[in-house]
Protein backbone atom coordinates (compact mmCIF):
# COMPACT_ATOMS: atom_id res chain seq x y z
CA MET A 1 -58.89 19.74 191.12
CA LYS A 2 -57.38 19.81 187.62
CA ARG A 3 -58.05 16.11 187.26
CA LEU A 4 -61.71 16.60 188.27
CA LEU A 5 -62.04 19.41 185.70
CA ASN A 6 -60.64 17.17 182.96
CA ILE A 7 -63.13 14.42 183.85
CA LEU A 8 -65.99 16.93 183.74
CA LEU A 9 -64.89 18.20 180.33
CA LEU A 10 -64.65 14.62 179.09
CA VAL A 11 -68.21 13.87 180.26
CA LEU A 12 -69.54 17.05 178.65
CA SER A 13 -67.74 16.24 175.40
CA PHE A 14 -69.16 12.73 175.40
CA GLY A 15 -72.64 14.09 176.02
CA TYR A 16 -72.22 16.54 173.14
CA LEU A 17 -71.18 13.72 170.81
CA ILE A 18 -74.21 11.68 171.82
CA SER A 19 -76.40 14.74 171.26
CA CYS A 20 -74.90 15.24 167.80
CA GLU A 21 -75.47 11.58 167.03
CA ASP A 22 -79.14 11.92 168.09
CA ASP A 23 -79.53 14.89 165.76
CA LYS A 24 -78.42 12.85 162.77
CA TYR A 25 -80.94 11.56 160.23
CA LEU A 26 -81.41 7.90 159.58
CA SER A 27 -79.20 7.19 156.57
CA SER A 28 -79.91 3.52 155.85
CA PRO A 29 -81.02 2.86 152.24
CA ASP A 30 -83.37 0.23 153.66
CA ALA A 31 -85.38 2.81 155.60
CA LYS A 32 -89.04 2.72 154.66
CA LEU A 33 -91.89 4.99 155.60
CA ARG A 34 -95.21 3.59 156.68
CA PHE A 35 -98.56 4.82 155.38
CA SER A 36 -102.11 4.79 156.72
CA LEU A 37 -103.36 3.77 153.25
CA ASP A 38 -101.80 2.15 150.23
CA THR A 39 -104.43 3.78 147.98
CA VAL A 40 -106.36 7.01 148.44
CA MET A 41 -109.67 6.27 146.76
CA PHE A 42 -112.33 8.80 145.76
CA ASP A 43 -115.79 7.47 145.02
CA THR A 44 -117.73 9.07 142.19
CA VAL A 45 -116.72 12.71 141.70
CA PHE A 46 -118.62 14.94 139.29
CA THR A 47 -116.46 16.17 136.45
CA THR A 48 -115.25 19.77 136.84
CA ILE A 49 -116.54 19.78 140.44
CA GLY A 50 -113.90 19.44 143.16
CA SER A 51 -114.03 16.55 145.58
CA THR A 52 -114.12 16.47 149.32
CA THR A 53 -110.68 16.38 150.99
CA LYS A 54 -109.15 13.06 152.01
CA HIS A 55 -106.02 12.55 154.03
CA LEU A 56 -103.05 10.21 154.14
CA LYS A 57 -100.84 9.79 157.19
CA ILE A 58 -97.09 9.10 156.85
CA TYR A 59 -95.27 7.50 159.78
CA ASN A 60 -91.61 7.40 160.82
CA PRO A 61 -91.32 4.08 162.68
CA TYR A 62 -87.68 4.63 163.67
CA LYS A 63 -85.95 6.07 166.74
CA GLN A 64 -84.01 8.51 164.56
CA LYS A 65 -85.27 11.38 162.47
CA VAL A 66 -86.07 10.71 158.85
CA ARG A 67 -85.53 13.21 156.06
CA ILE A 68 -87.71 12.61 153.01
CA SER A 69 -85.79 14.00 150.06
CA SER A 70 -88.87 14.40 147.88
CA ILE A 71 -92.65 14.10 148.05
CA LYS A 72 -94.43 14.75 144.75
CA LEU A 73 -97.22 13.78 142.40
CA ALA A 74 -95.99 11.47 139.68
CA LYS A 75 -97.83 13.46 136.98
CA SER A 76 -96.74 16.75 138.48
CA GLU A 77 -98.63 19.76 137.05
CA LYS A 78 -100.58 17.54 134.66
CA SER A 79 -102.25 15.75 137.53
CA ASN A 80 -105.94 16.03 138.37
CA PHE A 81 -105.01 15.77 142.03
CA ARG A 82 -103.87 18.48 144.45
CA LEU A 83 -101.81 18.06 147.61
CA ASN A 84 -101.32 19.87 150.88
CA ILE A 85 -98.19 18.43 152.43
CA ASN A 86 -97.67 19.14 156.10
CA GLY A 87 -99.48 22.46 155.78
CA VAL A 88 -97.92 23.45 152.44
CA SER A 89 -100.19 23.58 149.36
CA SER A 90 -97.92 22.15 146.71
CA ASN A 91 -97.69 19.12 144.49
CA GLU A 92 -93.99 18.75 145.27
CA VAL A 93 -91.90 19.49 148.36
CA GLN A 94 -88.35 18.54 149.30
CA ASN A 95 -86.40 17.76 152.46
CA VAL A 96 -89.34 17.04 154.74
CA GLU A 97 -88.36 15.99 158.24
CA ILE A 98 -90.26 13.57 160.48
CA ALA A 99 -89.17 13.21 164.10
CA PRO A 100 -88.65 9.76 165.63
CA PHE A 101 -91.94 7.80 165.93
CA ASP A 102 -93.81 10.85 164.61
CA SER A 103 -96.00 11.40 161.56
CA LEU A 104 -97.27 14.01 159.10
CA TYR A 105 -100.44 14.46 157.07
CA ILE A 106 -100.94 14.85 153.35
CA PHE A 107 -104.36 16.14 152.27
CA VAL A 108 -105.58 15.21 148.80
CA GLU A 109 -108.28 16.70 146.54
CA VAL A 110 -109.21 15.94 142.94
CA THR A 111 -111.06 17.49 140.02
CA VAL A 112 -111.97 15.22 137.13
CA ASP A 113 -111.99 16.57 133.57
CA PRO A 114 -115.05 15.65 131.48
CA ASN A 115 -114.56 13.07 128.80
CA GLY A 116 -117.61 13.94 126.71
CA GLN A 117 -119.08 10.48 127.20
CA ASN A 118 -121.96 9.16 129.23
CA LEU A 119 -119.94 6.54 131.10
CA PRO A 120 -118.01 6.91 134.34
CA LEU A 121 -114.29 7.46 133.97
CA VAL A 122 -111.34 6.84 136.22
CA VAL A 123 -108.31 9.07 136.80
CA LYS A 124 -105.15 7.83 138.47
CA ASP A 125 -101.91 9.17 139.81
CA SER A 126 -99.58 8.43 142.70
CA ILE A 127 -97.65 10.25 145.40
CA GLU A 128 -93.96 9.39 145.16
CA PHE A 129 -91.65 9.42 148.18
CA VAL A 130 -87.84 9.29 148.06
CA THR A 131 -86.01 8.57 151.33
CA ASN A 132 -82.28 7.78 151.25
CA MET A 133 -82.62 6.88 147.55
CA ASN A 134 -85.42 4.46 148.50
CA HIS A 135 -88.55 4.97 146.34
CA GLN A 136 -92.08 4.37 147.63
CA ASP A 137 -95.48 5.41 146.38
CA VAL A 138 -99.16 5.61 147.32
CA ASP A 139 -101.77 5.26 144.57
CA LEU A 140 -104.46 7.89 143.95
CA VAL A 141 -107.68 6.78 142.23
CA ALA A 142 -110.83 8.79 141.52
CA TRP A 143 -113.94 7.72 139.67
CA GLY A 144 -115.48 10.55 137.71
CA GLN A 145 -118.94 11.02 136.28
CA ASP A 146 -119.90 13.38 133.50
CA PHE A 147 -123.21 15.14 134.12
CA ASN A 148 -125.84 17.60 132.94
CA LEU A 149 -125.52 20.88 134.82
CA ILE A 150 -128.69 22.76 135.70
CA LYS A 151 -127.95 26.14 137.25
CA LYS A 152 -130.66 28.71 137.99
CA GLN A 153 -132.77 27.40 135.12
CA ARG A 154 -136.46 27.96 134.42
CA LEU A 155 -137.59 24.84 132.61
CA LYS A 156 -140.17 24.58 129.88
CA THR A 157 -141.66 21.18 129.04
CA THR A 158 -138.72 18.79 128.88
CA THR A 159 -137.55 15.25 129.66
CA TRP A 160 -134.60 14.31 131.82
CA LYS A 161 -132.96 11.10 130.64
CA LYS A 162 -131.00 8.52 132.59
CA ASP A 163 -127.85 8.49 130.43
CA LYS A 164 -126.13 11.17 132.55
CA PRO A 165 -126.95 12.33 136.08
CA TYR A 166 -128.25 15.87 136.59
CA LEU A 167 -126.47 18.23 138.97
CA ILE A 168 -128.55 21.14 140.25
CA TYR A 169 -126.88 24.36 141.38
CA ASN A 170 -129.09 26.97 143.07
CA TYR A 171 -132.37 25.75 141.55
CA ALA A 172 -134.29 24.13 138.75
CA PHE A 173 -137.70 25.80 138.34
CA VAL A 174 -140.51 24.10 136.42
CA ASP A 175 -142.53 26.95 134.96
CA SER A 176 -146.30 27.22 135.01
CA ASN A 177 -147.94 25.05 132.32
CA ALA A 178 -144.66 23.14 131.86
CA THR A 179 -144.10 19.44 132.57
CA LEU A 180 -140.81 17.92 133.67
CA THR A 181 -140.76 14.20 132.81
CA ILE A 182 -138.05 12.12 134.45
CA GLU A 183 -137.12 8.75 132.97
CA PRO A 184 -136.69 5.58 135.07
CA GLY A 185 -133.17 5.24 136.44
CA THR A 186 -132.38 8.97 136.32
CA LYS A 187 -130.20 10.32 139.13
CA ILE A 188 -130.60 13.93 140.21
CA TYR A 189 -128.07 15.49 142.58
CA PHE A 190 -128.32 18.84 144.31
CA HIS A 191 -125.53 21.12 145.48
CA LYS A 192 -125.77 22.74 148.92
CA ASP A 193 -128.95 24.87 149.28
CA ALA A 194 -130.23 23.88 145.82
CA GLY A 195 -133.76 22.67 145.15
CA LEU A 196 -136.38 21.65 142.60
CA TYR A 197 -139.27 24.13 142.55
CA VAL A 198 -142.43 23.32 140.61
CA LYS A 199 -145.30 25.51 139.45
CA GLY A 200 -146.09 23.27 136.48
CA ASN A 201 -145.80 19.58 137.28
CA VAL A 202 -143.37 16.67 137.54
CA ILE A 203 -143.93 13.16 136.18
CA ALA A 204 -141.22 11.00 137.75
CA LYS A 205 -142.06 7.36 137.07
CA GLY A 206 -139.29 5.00 138.02
CA THR A 207 -139.47 1.21 138.23
CA VAL A 208 -138.47 -1.27 140.92
CA GLU A 209 -135.37 -2.15 138.87
CA ASN A 210 -134.63 1.46 137.85
CA PRO A 211 -135.76 3.88 140.57
CA ILE A 212 -135.33 7.65 140.30
CA HIS A 213 -132.96 9.21 142.82
CA PHE A 214 -133.00 12.71 144.33
CA GLY A 215 -130.11 13.48 146.70
CA GLY A 216 -127.13 15.61 147.61
CA ASP A 217 -124.06 15.89 145.38
CA ARG A 218 -121.60 14.56 147.96
CA LEU A 219 -121.27 10.93 146.96
CA GLU A 220 -118.59 9.85 149.43
CA ASP A 221 -119.67 7.18 151.91
CA VAL A 222 -119.39 9.57 154.85
CA TYR A 223 -122.24 11.66 153.39
CA ALA A 224 -124.53 8.71 152.63
CA ASP A 225 -127.04 9.48 155.39
CA VAL A 226 -126.29 13.09 156.33
CA PRO A 227 -129.39 15.35 156.26
CA ASP A 228 -129.67 19.00 155.13
CA GLN A 229 -127.38 18.65 152.10
CA TRP A 230 -129.92 20.41 149.85
CA ASN A 231 -133.27 22.17 150.16
CA GLY A 232 -135.75 19.64 148.74
CA VAL A 233 -138.62 19.47 146.23
CA LEU A 234 -141.35 22.14 146.45
CA LEU A 235 -144.68 21.81 144.66
CA TYR A 236 -146.30 25.24 144.78
CA SER A 237 -150.01 25.57 145.42
CA GLY A 238 -151.59 25.40 141.96
CA SER A 239 -149.21 22.64 140.80
CA LYS A 240 -151.47 19.72 139.81
CA GLY A 241 -151.03 16.20 138.54
CA ASN A 242 -147.57 15.52 140.00
CA VAL A 243 -146.51 11.85 140.09
CA PHE A 244 -143.58 10.19 141.86
CA THR A 245 -143.33 6.41 141.45
CA ASN A 246 -140.43 4.19 142.55
CA ALA A 247 -138.38 7.18 143.62
CA GLU A 248 -136.07 8.01 146.49
CA ILE A 249 -135.61 11.44 148.08
CA LYS A 250 -132.74 11.64 150.58
CA ASN A 251 -130.77 13.96 152.82
CA ALA A 252 -132.52 17.31 152.27
CA ASN A 253 -134.09 19.88 154.59
CA ILE A 254 -137.69 19.15 153.60
CA GLY A 255 -137.91 16.17 151.27
CA LEU A 256 -141.21 17.03 149.61
CA GLN A 257 -143.21 20.18 150.33
CA VAL A 258 -146.69 20.02 148.85
CA GLY A 259 -148.40 23.40 148.66
CA ASN A 260 -147.43 26.74 150.18
CA ILE A 261 -149.39 29.23 152.20
CA GLU A 262 -148.66 32.24 149.97
CA ASN A 263 -150.18 30.88 146.75
CA THR A 264 -153.89 30.30 146.21
CA GLY A 265 -155.37 26.94 145.41
CA PHE A 266 -153.79 23.61 146.26
CA ALA A 267 -151.12 21.24 144.97
CA SER A 268 -151.75 17.60 144.15
CA VAL A 269 -149.38 14.64 143.98
CA LYS A 270 -149.58 10.88 143.73
CA LEU A 271 -146.81 8.98 145.51
CA SER A 272 -146.35 5.27 144.92
CA SER A 273 -143.40 3.26 146.25
CA VAL A 274 -141.45 6.35 147.31
CA LYS A 275 -138.75 6.48 149.98
CA ILE A 276 -138.20 9.81 151.77
CA GLN A 277 -135.44 9.61 154.37
CA ASN A 278 -133.00 11.62 156.48
CA MET A 279 -134.42 15.14 156.40
CA ALA A 280 -133.31 17.92 158.72
CA TYR A 281 -136.87 19.19 159.17
CA ALA A 282 -139.61 17.09 157.54
CA GLY A 283 -140.09 14.27 155.07
CA ILE A 284 -143.45 15.46 153.71
CA PHE A 285 -144.67 18.94 154.64
CA SER A 286 -148.07 19.67 153.15
CA MET A 287 -150.43 22.65 153.34
CA LYS A 288 -154.03 22.66 152.07
CA SER A 289 -153.21 20.10 149.40
CA ASP A 290 -154.06 16.70 147.96
CA ILE A 291 -151.79 13.67 148.45
CA GLN A 292 -152.47 10.06 147.47
CA ALA A 293 -149.73 7.77 148.76
CA ASP A 294 -149.18 4.02 148.80
CA ASN A 295 -146.18 1.88 149.68
CA CYS A 296 -144.25 4.89 150.94
CA LEU A 297 -141.44 4.76 153.48
CA ILE A 298 -140.94 8.09 155.26
CA THR A 299 -138.34 7.97 158.01
CA ASN A 300 -135.79 9.73 160.18
CA CYS A 301 -136.45 13.46 160.13
CA GLY A 302 -135.42 16.17 162.58
CA PHE A 303 -138.97 17.31 163.37
CA TYR A 304 -141.77 15.60 161.44
CA ALA A 305 -141.78 12.62 159.14
CA VAL A 306 -145.15 13.84 157.82
CA ALA A 307 -146.92 17.13 158.62
CA LEU A 308 -150.35 17.75 157.08
CA LEU A 309 -151.47 21.32 157.81
CA VAL A 310 -154.28 23.78 156.96
CA GLY A 311 -156.60 21.00 155.89
CA GLY A 312 -156.56 19.21 152.56
CA THR A 313 -157.28 15.72 151.25
CA TYR A 314 -154.93 12.89 152.15
CA GLU A 315 -154.87 9.12 151.62
CA PHE A 316 -152.00 6.96 152.84
CA TYR A 317 -152.13 3.18 152.38
CA HIS A 318 -149.57 0.52 153.23
CA SER A 319 -147.09 3.20 154.25
CA THR A 320 -144.47 3.26 157.00
CA ILE A 321 -144.06 6.58 158.80
CA ALA A 322 -141.28 5.90 161.28
CA ASN A 323 -139.14 8.55 162.89
CA TYR A 324 -136.02 7.23 164.61
CA TRP A 325 -134.09 10.46 164.30
CA GLY A 326 -130.89 10.56 166.29
CA GLY A 327 -127.26 11.60 166.25
CA TYR A 328 -127.61 14.80 164.22
CA GLY A 329 -129.42 17.16 166.62
CA SER A 330 -128.23 18.61 169.91
CA LYS A 331 -131.36 17.45 171.75
CA ALA A 332 -133.91 14.68 171.52
CA ARG A 333 -136.87 15.06 169.18
CA SER A 334 -140.14 16.00 170.89
CA THR A 335 -142.29 16.48 167.75
CA PRO A 336 -144.44 13.61 166.45
CA ALA A 337 -143.73 11.49 163.40
CA LEU A 338 -147.17 12.43 162.04
CA GLN A 339 -148.92 15.74 162.74
CA ILE A 340 -152.34 16.55 161.31
CA GLN A 341 -154.09 19.89 161.81
CA ASN A 342 -156.54 22.10 159.95
CA TYR A 343 -154.82 25.38 160.73
CA LEU A 344 -151.40 27.02 160.87
CA ILE A 345 -150.20 29.83 163.09
CA ILE A 346 -147.26 31.68 161.62
CA ASN A 347 -147.45 34.83 163.74
CA LYS A 348 -149.21 34.80 167.09
CA ASP A 349 -150.26 38.43 166.52
CA LYS A 350 -152.10 37.53 163.30
CA PRO A 351 -155.07 35.23 162.64
CA ALA A 352 -154.31 31.60 161.95
CA TYR A 353 -154.62 30.13 158.46
CA VAL A 354 -157.55 27.69 158.61
CA GLY A 355 -158.68 25.11 156.05
CA ASP A 356 -161.07 22.16 155.90
CA LEU A 357 -159.51 18.77 156.47
CA ILE A 358 -161.77 17.02 154.00
CA GLN A 359 -160.12 13.63 154.39
CA ALA A 360 -157.09 12.10 156.10
CA ASP A 361 -157.30 8.31 155.74
CA PHE A 362 -154.59 5.89 156.78
CA GLY A 363 -155.02 2.19 156.01
CA ASN A 364 -152.67 -0.72 156.82
CA CYS A 365 -150.04 1.81 157.93
CA ILE A 366 -147.37 1.96 160.64
CA ILE A 367 -146.89 5.26 162.50
CA THR A 368 -144.09 4.91 165.03
CA GLY A 369 -140.73 6.23 166.26
CA ASN A 370 -138.65 7.15 169.28
CA ALA A 371 -140.20 10.43 170.49
CA ILE A 372 -139.27 11.16 174.09
CA ASP A 373 -142.93 11.31 175.18
CA GLY A 374 -143.85 8.12 173.32
CA ASN A 375 -146.44 9.89 171.18
CA GLU A 376 -145.89 9.81 167.41
CA LEU A 377 -149.32 11.13 166.39
CA LEU A 378 -150.65 14.63 167.06
CA LEU A 379 -154.14 15.71 165.96
CA SER A 380 -154.88 19.41 166.38
CA LYS A 381 -158.25 20.88 165.45
CA ASN A 382 -159.60 24.38 164.87
CA PRO A 383 -163.40 24.18 165.36
CA GLU A 384 -164.01 26.70 162.57
CA ALA A 385 -163.15 24.12 159.89
CA ALA A 386 -163.84 20.47 159.11
CA PHE A 387 -161.56 17.84 160.64
CA ASN A 388 -162.13 14.40 159.12
CA TYR A 389 -159.69 11.54 159.64
CA LYS A 390 -159.63 7.75 159.91
CA PHE A 391 -157.00 5.17 160.91
CA ASP A 392 -157.89 1.67 159.73
CA ASN A 393 -155.81 -1.38 160.70
CA CYS A 394 -152.73 0.60 161.76
CA ILE A 395 -150.00 0.50 164.36
CA LEU A 396 -150.05 3.80 166.25
CA GLN A 397 -147.25 4.65 168.64
CA VAL A 398 -149.20 6.87 171.02
CA ALA A 399 -149.28 7.59 174.74
CA ASP A 400 -151.33 5.37 177.08
CA THR A 401 -153.82 8.20 177.55
CA PHE A 402 -154.47 8.51 173.80
CA LYS A 403 -157.96 7.14 173.12
CA VAL A 404 -158.62 5.04 170.01
CA ASN A 405 -162.12 3.80 170.80
CA ASN A 406 -164.11 6.12 168.51
CA PRO A 407 -165.15 3.98 165.51
CA LEU A 408 -165.56 7.07 163.35
CA HIS A 409 -161.80 7.61 163.56
CA TYR A 410 -160.20 4.30 164.57
CA GLU A 411 -160.67 0.70 163.51
CA SER A 412 -158.54 -2.32 164.48
CA ILE A 413 -155.71 -0.27 165.98
CA LEU A 414 -152.58 -1.79 167.53
CA LYS A 415 -151.81 0.88 170.06
CA GLY A 416 -148.32 1.53 171.41
CA VAL A 417 -146.75 -1.70 170.13
CA ASN A 418 -143.24 -1.98 168.76
CA PRO A 419 -143.40 -2.97 165.06
CA LYS A 420 -139.97 -4.60 165.44
CA PHE A 421 -138.10 -3.41 162.38
CA VAL A 422 -134.87 -5.24 161.55
CA ASP A 423 -132.59 -2.25 162.24
CA PRO A 424 -134.09 1.27 162.07
CA TYR A 425 -131.13 3.00 163.73
CA LYS A 426 -127.83 2.00 162.18
CA LYS A 427 -128.70 0.36 158.88
CA TYR A 428 -132.05 2.12 158.30
CA ASN A 429 -133.58 -1.27 157.63
CA PHE A 430 -137.35 -1.01 158.02
CA GLU A 431 -138.10 -4.57 156.97
CA LEU A 432 -140.22 -6.40 159.54
CA ASP A 433 -138.59 -8.82 161.95
CA ILE A 434 -139.93 -12.36 162.04
CA LEU A 435 -141.64 -11.57 165.38
CA SER A 436 -143.18 -8.29 164.23
CA PRO A 437 -146.80 -7.74 165.35
CA ALA A 438 -147.36 -6.05 161.98
CA LYS A 439 -147.14 -9.40 160.18
CA ASP A 440 -150.27 -10.79 158.50
CA VAL A 441 -152.72 -8.44 160.25
CA GLY A 442 -153.52 -5.99 157.43
CA LYS A 443 -156.99 -5.59 155.96
CA VAL A 444 -157.17 -7.72 152.83
CA SER A 445 -159.54 -5.36 151.01
CA ILE A 446 -156.93 -2.59 151.24
CA ALA A 447 -154.07 -4.90 150.25
CA LYS A 448 -155.92 -5.98 147.12
CA LEU A 449 -155.84 -2.37 145.93
CA PHE A 450 -152.03 -2.34 146.37
CA PRO A 451 -150.95 -5.99 145.91
CA LYS A 452 -147.23 -5.21 145.49
CA ASP A 453 -145.06 -3.75 148.25
CA LEU A 454 -142.34 -1.08 148.02
CA LYS A 455 -139.92 -3.61 146.54
CA GLY A 456 -142.43 -5.14 144.15
CA ARG A 457 -143.13 -8.22 146.30
CA ASP A 458 -146.57 -9.78 146.36
CA ARG A 459 -148.25 -9.14 149.72
CA LEU A 460 -151.11 -11.60 149.08
CA LEU A 461 -149.13 -14.85 149.13
CA ASP A 462 -149.23 -15.78 152.83
CA LYS A 463 -151.75 -15.77 155.68
CA GLY A 464 -152.41 -12.07 155.37
CA PRO A 465 -150.90 -8.77 154.24
CA ASP A 466 -148.43 -7.06 156.58
CA LEU A 467 -148.86 -3.51 157.77
CA GLY A 468 -146.57 -0.87 156.33
CA ALA A 469 -144.70 -0.51 153.05
CA LEU A 470 -142.61 -3.67 153.25
CA GLU A 471 -144.04 -7.18 153.14
CA ARG A 472 -142.08 -9.87 154.93
CA GLN A 473 -141.85 -13.07 152.93
CA GLU A 474 -140.39 -16.07 154.70
CA LYS A 475 -137.94 -18.25 152.83
CA LYS A 476 -139.28 -21.70 152.17
CA ALA A 477 -137.34 -24.69 153.50
CA GLY A 478 -134.62 -25.80 151.13
CA LYS A 479 -134.46 -22.47 149.32
């Protein structure tokens, strides 16, 4: 019995020693941590404005615990970067433990100080790790951009130049009788819920080489195509003579609202070679107004790509209205890409707003998308007002029951055919595929009025002009 007790004590003692050994930290000076990244890179960050948060993962690849003696920013309190290390907001921590084959997170943010120049600047630092006297580091790099801040400003007549981007907080308001001129190549970014509101007018004339950009202020790749980052551009009724040429409007709620129901009169705008994409609600939302548009690409919106309401005067030529919305909403889109009506009901207990649809002409256009009912065009008429429209040489994605045989309203219509874009879903590429039925079938008389496409390419060089905003030009053999 005594002998058995001694054996049991020996086994327990041995087990205790093994347990103590397991509790020990790896002590080898050759021990090295592993990292998910060797450099934490921030794309362009506006000076004085904090970045989004990025993370770095640190791994212990060993079967023993590792104690990291020190984790810190190399520039310490002088750094532009900020760390949260394993749940602790600090730029330096000591004696951090990682269990065998486990990991921890470090979250990184940055704010870039302005340099008083018009050029981008870069700030650098590194996170230093010391484990068993072994030194390792991960680089931190952020590109900064100085900017012009516009915050709750009422603008008189002024010009925005391309040397620095403009960052809008809350709003920029173009006062009555004022003109905002925007130079080619100017970039305008909007913070969450900000917008450009116009009672005067905007002259935004970019070029093919130097387009004008309107978008959200999150410049990281993950935000590149996320809608609803800002409110959009609103042209109040009474705002006349607006011009947008070679411009891009992205990732807002409503890209361009033309007119509003509360103000009298109408708004007017000329759009030429304008891209409006990735809107939570609508690309163009117009009420009782006047729009002339050519070579416009209006795509991927939560409800409508284009909504023309309460009448007005509208001309769209060589434009692509294509709604392949997906991935952002909780349910499939059931609204059409293009809706035209001469009334608006805001409250069912009150009379509808009604206005004459003087003209709604679409020539050499593509109206298509992925609506669940297959119908991307809705025409809704109040008999108390005029309702004039015409589709000439267009692709119309409509239901089989939709009739296009009235020559007053339809001429040379390709009904319900797939225009065969290169990749409208993942890469938002609305160029025409080589087998597209939209190739070479446009009306020449319309194309001669707009001989260059959205990218400045000549649409009169081959057998015939293509429908839509983008002309496909085949590469010649040997080139």
